Amino acid sequence: MSNRRRANRKFWNRVFRLTLIYLIIVPIIFYLLDKTSVSQELKTAPIEFIAKMAGIAFTISLVISFWGHRDPELRKY
């Protein structure tokens, strides 16, 4: 396996792991900030709410992974 392929695989594995973590954290934060809105949205359109949370979690994890991958100072962490 080449180094480039290994680096890409490592990058996407990190994105996947962070997405799973943020799939738990993001809805909790939204719930703590606005309980009534979250409960109402879950009752009216649960699939839409889940899609929004998944999109937000994926975007956050992608940005953090890309930023950490490019910044040599953040590679340590």
PDB file of N, CA and C in Angstrom:
ATOM      1  N   MET A   1       0.845  -1.169   0.000  1.00  0.00           N
ATOM      2  CA  MET A   1       0.000   0.000   0.000  1.00  0.00           C
ATOM      3  C   MET A   1       0.899   1.245   0.000  1.00  0.00           C
ATOM      4  N   SER A   2       0.602   2.179  -0.870  1.00  0.00           N
ATOM      5  CA  SER A   2       1.426   3.378  -0.963  1.00  0.00           C
ATOM      6  C   SER A   2       1.149   4.321   0.200  1.00  0.00           C
ATOM      7  N   ASN A   3       2.086   5.220   0.407  1.00  0.00           N
ATOM      8  CA  ASN A   3       1.941   6.178   1.503  1.00  0.00           C
ATOM      9  C   ASN A   3       0.757   7.110   1.292  1.00  0.00           C
ATOM     10  N   ARG A   4       0.548   7.496   0.051  1.00  0.00           N
ATOM     11  CA  ARG A   4      -0.570   8.401  -0.244  1.00  0.00           C
ATOM     12  C   ARG A   4      -1.906   7.726   0.036  1.00  0.00           C
ATOM     13  N   ARG A   5      -2.039   6.482  -0.371  1.00  0.00           N
ATOM     14  CA  ARG A   5      -3.285   5.756  -0.130  1.00  0.00           C
ATOM     15  C   ARG A   5      -3.501   5.541   1.364  1.00  0.00           C
ATOM     16  N   ARG A   6      -2.437   5.249   2.071  1.00  0.00           N
ATOM     17  CA  ARG A   6      -2.534   5.056   3.515  1.00  0.00           C
ATOM     18  C   ARG A   6      -2.935   6.362   4.206  1.00  0.00           C
ATOM     19  N   ALA A   7      -2.370   7.476   3.738  1.00  0.00           N
ATOM     20  CA  ALA A   7      -2.716   8.775   4.326  1.00  0.00           C
ATOM     21  C   ALA A   7      -4.182   9.109   4.078  1.00  0.00           C
ATOM     22  N   ASN A   8      -4.659   8.820   2.864  1.00  0.00           N
ATOM     23  CA  ASN A   8      -6.073   9.074   2.559  1.00  0.00           C
ATOM     24  C   ASN A   8      -6.982   8.208   3.408  1.00  0.00           C
ATOM     25  N   ARG A   9      -6.603   6.962   3.558  1.00  0.00           N
ATOM     26  CA  ARG A   9      -7.417   6.057   4.362  1.00  0.00           C
ATOM     27  C   ARG A   9      -7.438   6.495   5.826  1.00  0.00           C
ATOM     28  N   LYS A  10      -6.288   6.929   6.329  1.00  0.00           N
ATOM     29  CA  LYS A  10      -6.200   7.413   7.707  1.00  0.00           C
ATOM     30  C   LYS A  10      -7.058   8.671   7.885  1.00  0.00           C
ATOM     31  N   PHE A  11      -7.010   9.559   6.898  1.00  0.00           N
ATOM     32  CA  PHE A  11      -7.799  10.789   6.949  1.00  0.00           C
ATOM     33  C   PHE A  11      -9.291  10.471   7.018  1.00  0.00           C
ATOM     34  N   TRP A  12      -9.787   9.581   6.132  1.00  0.00           N
ATOM     35  CA  TRP A  12     -11.219   9.274   6.102  1.00  0.00           C
ATOM     36  C   TRP A  12     -11.652   8.471   7.317  1.00  0.00           C
ATOM     37  N   ASN A  13     -10.758   7.657   7.867  1.00  0.00           N
ATOM     38  CA  ASN A  13     -11.083   6.965   9.116  1.00  0.00           C
ATOM     39  C   ASN A  13     -11.260   7.954  10.254  1.00  0.00           C
ATOM     40  N   ARG A  14     -10.406   8.956  10.268  1.00  0.00           N
ATOM     41  CA  ARG A  14     -10.524   9.991  11.299  1.00  0.00           C
ATOM     42  C   ARG A  14     -11.825  10.774  11.131  1.00  0.00           C
ATOM     43  N   VAL A  15     -12.172  11.098   9.897  1.00  0.00           N
ATOM     44  CA  VAL A  15     -13.426  11.805   9.631  1.00  0.00           C
ATOM     45  C   VAL A  15     -14.613  10.962  10.108  1.00  0.00           C
ATOM     46  N   PHE A  16     -14.580   9.672   9.826  1.00  0.00           N
ATOM     47  CA  PHE A  16     -15.671   8.784  10.237  1.00  0.00           C
ATOM     48  C   PHE A  16     -15.801   8.723  11.757  1.00  0.00           C
ATOM     49  N   ARG A  17     -14.668   8.580  12.452  1.00  0.00           N
ATOM     50  CA  ARG A  17     -14.715   8.509  13.920  1.00  0.00           C
ATOM     51  C   ARG A  17     -15.225   9.812  14.519  1.00  0.00           C
ATOM     52  N   LEU A  18     -14.746  10.940  14.003  1.00  0.00           N
ATOM     53  CA  LEU A  18     -15.217  12.231  14.518  1.00  0.00           C
ATOM     54  C   LEU A  18     -16.692  12.449  14.210  1.00  0.00           C
ATOM     55  N   THR A  19     -17.147  11.987  13.053  1.00  0.00           N
ATOM     56  CA  THR A  19     -18.569  12.117  12.712  1.00  0.00           C
ATOM     57  C   THR A  19     -19.427  11.351  13.708  1.00  0.00           C
ATOM     58  N   LEU A  20     -19.011  10.157  14.066  1.00  0.00           N
ATOM     59  CA  LEU A  20     -19.772   9.389  15.053  1.00  0.00           C
ATOM     60  C   LEU A  20     -19.821  10.108  16.401  1.00  0.00           C
ATOM     61  N   ILE A  21     -18.713  10.706  16.789  1.00  0.00           N
ATOM     62  CA  ILE A  21     -18.681  11.450  18.057  1.00  0.00           C
ATOM     63  C   ILE A  21     -19.609  12.663  17.987  1.00  0.00           C
ATOM     64  N   TYR A  22     -19.526  13.410  16.887  1.00  0.00           N
ATOM     65  CA  TYR A  22     -20.354  14.610  16.765  1.00  0.00           C
ATOM     66  C   TYR A  22     -21.820  14.289  16.535  1.00  0.00           C
ATOM     67  N   LEU A  23     -22.135  13.094  16.054  1.00  0.00           N
ATOM     68  CA  LEU A  23     -23.544  12.700  15.938  1.00  0.00           C
ATOM     69  C   LEU A  23     -24.200  12.596  17.305  1.00  0.00           C
ATOM     70  N   ILE A  24     -23.401  12.398  18.307  1.00  0.00           N
ATOM     71  CA  ILE A  24     -23.925  12.354  19.676  1.00  0.00           C
ATOM     72  C   ILE A  24     -23.909  13.746  20.305  1.00  0.00           C
ATOM     73  N   ILE A  25     -22.845  14.488  20.092  1.00  0.00           N
ATOM     74  CA  ILE A  25     -22.659  15.779  20.761  1.00  0.00           C
ATOM     75  C   ILE A  25     -23.590  16.868  20.218  1.00  0.00           C
ATOM     76  N   VAL A  26     -23.716  16.964  18.893  1.00  0.00           N
ATOM     77  CA  VAL A  26     -24.484  18.061  18.276  1.00  0.00           C
ATOM     78  C   VAL A  26     -25.957  18.046  18.694  1.00  0.00           C
ATOM     79  N   PRO A  27     -26.675  16.924  18.631  1.00  0.00           N
ATOM     80  CA  PRO A  27     -28.074  16.959  19.072  1.00  0.00           C
ATOM     81  C   PRO A  27     -28.231  17.289  20.558  1.00  0.00           C
ATOM     82  N   ILE A  28     -27.283  16.848  21.372  1.00  0.00           N
ATOM     83  CA  ILE A  28     -27.357  17.180  22.801  1.00  0.00           C
ATOM     84  C   ILE A  28     -27.231  18.684  23.008  1.00  0.00           C
ATOM     85  N   ILE A  29     -26.308  19.303  22.292  1.00  0.00           N
ATOM     86  CA  ILE A  29     -26.134  20.759  22.412  1.00  0.00           C
ATOM     87  C   ILE A  29     -27.388  21.483  21.937  1.00  0.00           C
ATOM     88  N   PHE A  30     -27.947  21.064  20.790  1.00  0.00           N
ATOM     89  CA  PHE A  30     -29.178  21.687  20.304  1.00  0.00           C
ATOM     90  C   PHE A  30     -30.316  21.506  21.304  1.00  0.00           C
ATOM     91  N   TYR A  31     -30.407  20.330  21.897  1.00  0.00           N
ATOM     92  CA  TYR A  31     -31.466  20.072  22.871  1.00  0.00           C
ATOM     93  C   TYR A  31     -31.306  20.956  24.110  1.00  0.00           C
ATOM     94  N   LEU A  32     -30.075  21.118  24.579  1.00  0.00           N
ATOM     95  CA  LEU A  32     -29.840  21.955  25.753  1.00  0.00           C
ATOM     96  C   LEU A  32     -30.121  23.429  25.471  1.00  0.00           C
ATOM     97  N   LEU A  33     -29.875  23.872  24.240  1.00  0.00           N
ATOM     98  CA  LEU A  33     -30.098  25.280  23.906  1.00  0.00           C
ATOM     99  C   LEU A  33     -31.576  25.604  23.673  1.00  0.00           C
ATOM    100  N   ASP A  34     -32.313  24.684  23.042  1.00  0.00           N
ATOM    101  CA  ASP A  34     -33.714  24.968  22.720  1.00  0.00           C
ATOM    102  C   ASP A  34     -34.523  23.668  22.741  1.00  0.00           C
ATOM    103  N   LYS A  35     -35.017  23.315  23.904  1.00  0.00           N
ATOM    104  CA  LYS A  35     -35.707  22.033  24.095  1.00  0.00           C
ATOM    105  C   LYS A  35     -37.020  21.964  23.330  1.00  0.00           C
ATOM    106  N   THR A  36     -37.787  23.032  23.345  1.00  0.00           N
ATOM    107  CA  THR A  36     -39.102  22.999  22.708  1.00  0.00           C
ATOM    108  C   THR A  36     -38.984  22.864  21.185  1.00  0.00           C
ATOM    109  N   SER A  37     -38.066  23.582  20.608  1.00  0.00           N
ATOM    110  CA  SER A  37     -37.891  23.532  19.155  1.00  0.00           C
ATOM    111  C   SER A  37     -37.433  22.146  18.698  1.00  0.00           C
ATOM    112  N   VAL A  38     -36.512  21.542  19.436  1.00  0.00           N
ATOM    113  CA  VAL A  38     -36.015  20.212  19.077  1.00  0.00           C
ATOM    114  C   VAL A  38     -37.118  19.177  19.212  1.00  0.00           C
ATOM    115  N   SER A  39     -37.867  19.218  20.293  1.00  0.00           N
ATOM    116  CA  SER A  39     -38.944  18.231  20.469  1.00  0.00           C
ATOM    117  C   SER A  39     -40.038  18.408  19.420  1.00  0.00           C
ATOM    118  N   GLN A  40     -40.350  19.649  19.080  1.00  0.00           N
ATOM    119  CA  GLN A  40     -41.357  19.900  18.052  1.00  0.00           C
ATOM    120  C   GLN A  40     -40.876  19.416  16.688  1.00  0.00           C
ATOM    121  N   GLU A  41     -39.621  19.657  16.378  1.00  0.00           N
ATOM    122  CA  GLU A  41     -39.084  19.230  15.086  1.00  0.00           C
ATOM    123  C   GLU A  41     -38.996  17.706  14.996  1.00  0.00           C
ATOM    124  N   LEU A  42     -38.680  17.052  16.102  1.00  0.00           N
ATOM    125  CA  LEU A  42     -38.649  15.586  16.112  1.00  0.00           C
ATOM    126  C   LEU A  42     -40.038  14.990  15.905  1.00  0.00           C
ATOM    127  N   LYS A  43     -41.065  15.688  16.379  1.00  0.00           N
ATOM    128  CA  LYS A  43     -42.436  15.196  16.204  1.00  0.00           C
ATOM    129  C   LYS A  43     -42.933  15.413  14.775  1.00  0.00           C
ATOM    130  N   THR A  44     -42.584  16.552  14.180  1.00  0.00           N
ATOM    131  CA  THR A  44     -43.110  16.880  12.859  1.00  0.00           C
ATOM    132  C   THR A  44     -42.296  16.257  11.721  1.00  0.00           C
ATOM    133  N   ALA A  45     -40.976  16.341  11.796  1.00  0.00           N
ATOM    134  CA  ALA A  45     -40.133  15.838  10.697  1.00  0.00           C
ATOM    135  C   ALA A  45     -38.856  15.209  11.256  1.00  0.00           C
ATOM    136  N   PRO A  46     -38.946  13.985  11.760  1.00  0.00           N
ATOM    137  CA  PRO A  46     -37.772  13.366  12.383  1.00  0.00           C
ATOM    138  C   PRO A  46     -36.649  13.051  11.392  1.00  0.00           C
ATOM    139  N   ILE A  47     -37.000  12.638  10.169  1.00  0.00           N
ATOM    140  CA  ILE A  47     -35.971  12.309   9.175  1.00  0.00           C
ATOM    141  C   ILE A  47     -35.184  13.560   8.786  1.00  0.00           C
ATOM    142  N   GLU A  48     -35.895  14.657   8.634  1.00  0.00           N
ATOM    143  CA  GLU A  48     -35.248  15.927   8.303  1.00  0.00           C
ATOM    144  C   GLU A  48     -34.313  16.369   9.428  1.00  0.00           C
ATOM    145  N   PHE A  49     -34.742  16.207  10.653  1.00  0.00           N
ATOM    146  CA  PHE A  49     -33.920  16.583  11.804  1.00  0.00           C
ATOM    147  C   PHE A  49     -32.657  15.721  11.865  1.00  0.00           C
ATOM    148  N   ILE A  50     -32.811  14.429  11.655  1.00  0.00           N
ATOM    149  CA  ILE A  50     -31.656  13.525  11.677  1.00  0.00           C
ATOM    150  C   ILE A  50     -30.694  13.861  10.545  1.00  0.00           C
ATOM    151  N   ALA A  51     -31.222  14.183   9.374  1.00  0.00           N
ATOM    152  CA  ALA A  51     -30.373  14.552   8.236  1.00  0.00           C
ATOM    153  C   ALA A  51     -29.601  15.843   8.525  1.00  0.00           C
ATOM    154  N   LYS A  52     -30.259  16.804   9.153  1.00  0.00           N
ATOM    155  CA  LYS A  52     -29.571  18.055   9.517  1.00  0.00           C
ATOM    156  C   LYS A  52     -28.446  17.791  10.506  1.00  0.00           C
ATOM    157  N   MET A  53     -28.730  17.000  11.518  1.00  0.00           N
ATOM    158  CA  MET A  53     -27.714  16.700  12.529  1.00  0.00           C
ATOM    159  C   MET A  53     -26.542  15.924  11.926  1.00  0.00           C
ATOM    160  N   ALA A  54     -26.837  14.995  11.023  1.00  0.00           N
ATOM    161  CA  ALA A  54     -25.775  14.231  10.362  1.00  0.00           C
ATOM    162  C   ALA A  54     -24.930  15.132   9.466  1.00  0.00           C
ATOM    163  N   GLY A  55     -25.578  16.048   8.771  1.00  0.00           N
ATOM    164  CA  GLY A  55     -24.844  16.989   7.920  1.00  0.00           C
ATOM    165  C   GLY A  55     -23.954  17.917   8.722  1.00  0.00           C
ATOM    166  N   ILE A  56     -24.471  18.399   9.830  1.00  0.00           N
ATOM    167  CA  ILE A  56     -23.675  19.280  10.689  1.00  0.00           C
ATOM    168  C   ILE A  56     -22.496  18.516  11.272  1.00  0.00           C
ATOM    169  N   ALA A  57     -22.739  17.300  11.750  1.00  0.00           N
ATOM    170  CA  ALA A  57     -21.670  16.488  12.337  1.00  0.00           C
ATOM    171  C   ALA A  57     -20.598  16.154  11.306  1.00  0.00           C
ATOM    172  N   PHE A  58     -21.015  15.788  10.089  1.00  0.00           N
ATOM    173  CA  PHE A  58     -20.048  15.458   9.043  1.00  0.00           C
ATOM    174  C   PHE A  58     -19.225  16.677   8.640  1.00  0.00           C
ATOM    175  N   THR A  59     -19.876  17.821   8.519  1.00  0.00           N
ATOM    176  CA  THR A  59     -19.165  19.035   8.133  1.00  0.00           C
ATOM    177  C   THR A  59     -18.140  19.436   9.185  1.00  0.00           C
ATOM    178  N   ILE A  60     -18.516  19.398  10.443  1.00  0.00           N
ATOM    179  CA  ILE A  60     -17.589  19.743  11.520  1.00  0.00           C
ATOM    180  C   ILE A  60     -16.403  18.790  11.517  1.00  0.00           C
ATOM    181  N   SER A  61     -16.657  17.499  11.399  1.00  0.00           N
ATOM    182  CA  SER A  61     -15.562  16.528  11.436  1.00  0.00           C
ATOM    183  C   SER A  61     -14.664  16.644  10.209  1.00  0.00           C
ATOM    184  N   LEU A  62     -15.231  16.939   9.053  1.00  0.00           N
ATOM    185  CA  LEU A  62     -14.432  17.116   7.844  1.00  0.00           C
ATOM    186  C   LEU A  62     -13.525  18.333   7.950  1.00  0.00           C
ATOM    187  N   VAL A  63     -14.060  19.438   8.443  1.00  0.00           N
ATOM    188  CA  VAL A  63     -13.264  20.657   8.591  1.00  0.00           C
ATOM    189  C   VAL A  63     -12.147  20.454   9.615  1.00  0.00           C
ATOM    190  N   ILE A  64     -12.470  19.857  10.742  1.00  0.00           N
ATOM    191  CA  ILE A  64     -11.463  19.639  11.773  1.00  0.00           C
ATOM    192  C   ILE A  64     -10.378  18.683  11.280  1.00  0.00           C
ATOM    193  N   SER A  65     -10.767  17.627  10.593  1.00  0.00           N
ATOM    194  CA  SER A  65      -9.787  16.666  10.085  1.00  0.00           C
ATOM    195  C   SER A  65      -8.900  17.296   9.010  1.00  0.00           C
ATOM    196  N   PHE A  66      -9.507  18.035   8.098  1.00  0.00           N
ATOM    197  CA  PHE A  66      -8.724  18.675   7.041  1.00  0.00           C
ATOM    198  C   PHE A  66      -7.777  19.717   7.617  1.00  0.00           C
ATOM    199  N   TRP A  67      -8.263  20.503   8.548  1.00  0.00           N
ATOM    200  CA  TRP A  67      -7.445  21.523   9.177  1.00  0.00           C
ATOM    201  C   TRP A  67      -6.295  20.897   9.959  1.00  0.00           C
ATOM    202  N   GLY A  68      -6.582  19.857  10.705  1.00  0.00           N
ATOM    203  CA  GLY A  68      -5.545  19.163  11.461  1.00  0.00           C
ATOM    204  C   GLY A  68      -4.548  18.453  10.578  1.00  0.00           C
ATOM    205  N   HIS A  69      -5.010  17.995   9.406  1.00  0.00           N
ATOM    206  CA  HIS A  69      -4.129  17.304   8.464  1.00  0.00           C
ATOM    207  C   HIS A  69      -3.162  18.279   7.800  1.00  0.00           C
ATOM    208  N   ARG A  70      -3.613  19.489   7.542  1.00  0.00           N
ATOM    209  CA  ARG A  70      -2.790  20.478   6.838  1.00  0.00           C
ATOM    210  C   ARG A  70      -1.890  21.299   7.754  1.00  0.00           C
ATOM    211  N   ASP A  71      -2.296  21.489   8.982  1.00  0.00           N
ATOM    212  CA  ASP A  71      -1.546  22.326   9.894  1.00  0.00           C
ATOM    213  C   ASP A  71      -0.515  21.480  10.658  1.00  0.00           C
ATOM    214  N   PRO A  72       0.773  21.743  10.440  1.00  0.00           N
ATOM    215  CA  PRO A  72       1.797  20.902  11.100  1.00  0.00           C
ATOM    216  C   PRO A  72       1.793  21.005  12.620  1.00  0.00           C
ATOM    217  N   GLU A  73       1.345  22.124  13.138  1.00  0.00           N
ATOM    218  CA  GLU A  73       1.288  22.290  14.590  1.00  0.00           C
ATOM    219  C   GLU A  73       0.200  21.399  15.210  1.00  0.00           C
ATOM    220  N   LEU A  74      -0.908  21.212  14.491  1.00  0.00           N
ATOM    221  CA  LEU A  74      -2.014  20.413  14.995  1.00  0.00           C
ATOM    222  C   LEU A  74      -1.822  18.906  14.743  1.00  0.00           C
ATOM    223  N   ARG A  75      -0.862  18.539  13.929  1.00  0.00           N
ATOM    224  CA  ARG A  75      -0.635  17.110  13.645  1.00  0.00           C
ATOM    225  C   ARG A  75      -0.222  16.350  14.890  1.00  0.00           C
ATOM    226  N   LYS A  76       0.363  17.042  15.852  1.00  0.00           N
ATOM    227  CA  LYS A  76       0.780  16.385  17.087  1.00  0.00           C
ATOM    228  C   LYS A  76      -0.409  15.811  17.831  1.00  0.00           C
ATOM    229  N   TYR A  77      -1.568  16.492  17.724  1.00  0.00           N
ATOM    230  CA  TYR A  77      -2.740  16.095  18.502  1.00  0.00           C
ATOM    231  C   TYR A  77      -3.620  15.236  17.651  1.00  0.00           C
TER     232      TYR A  77
END
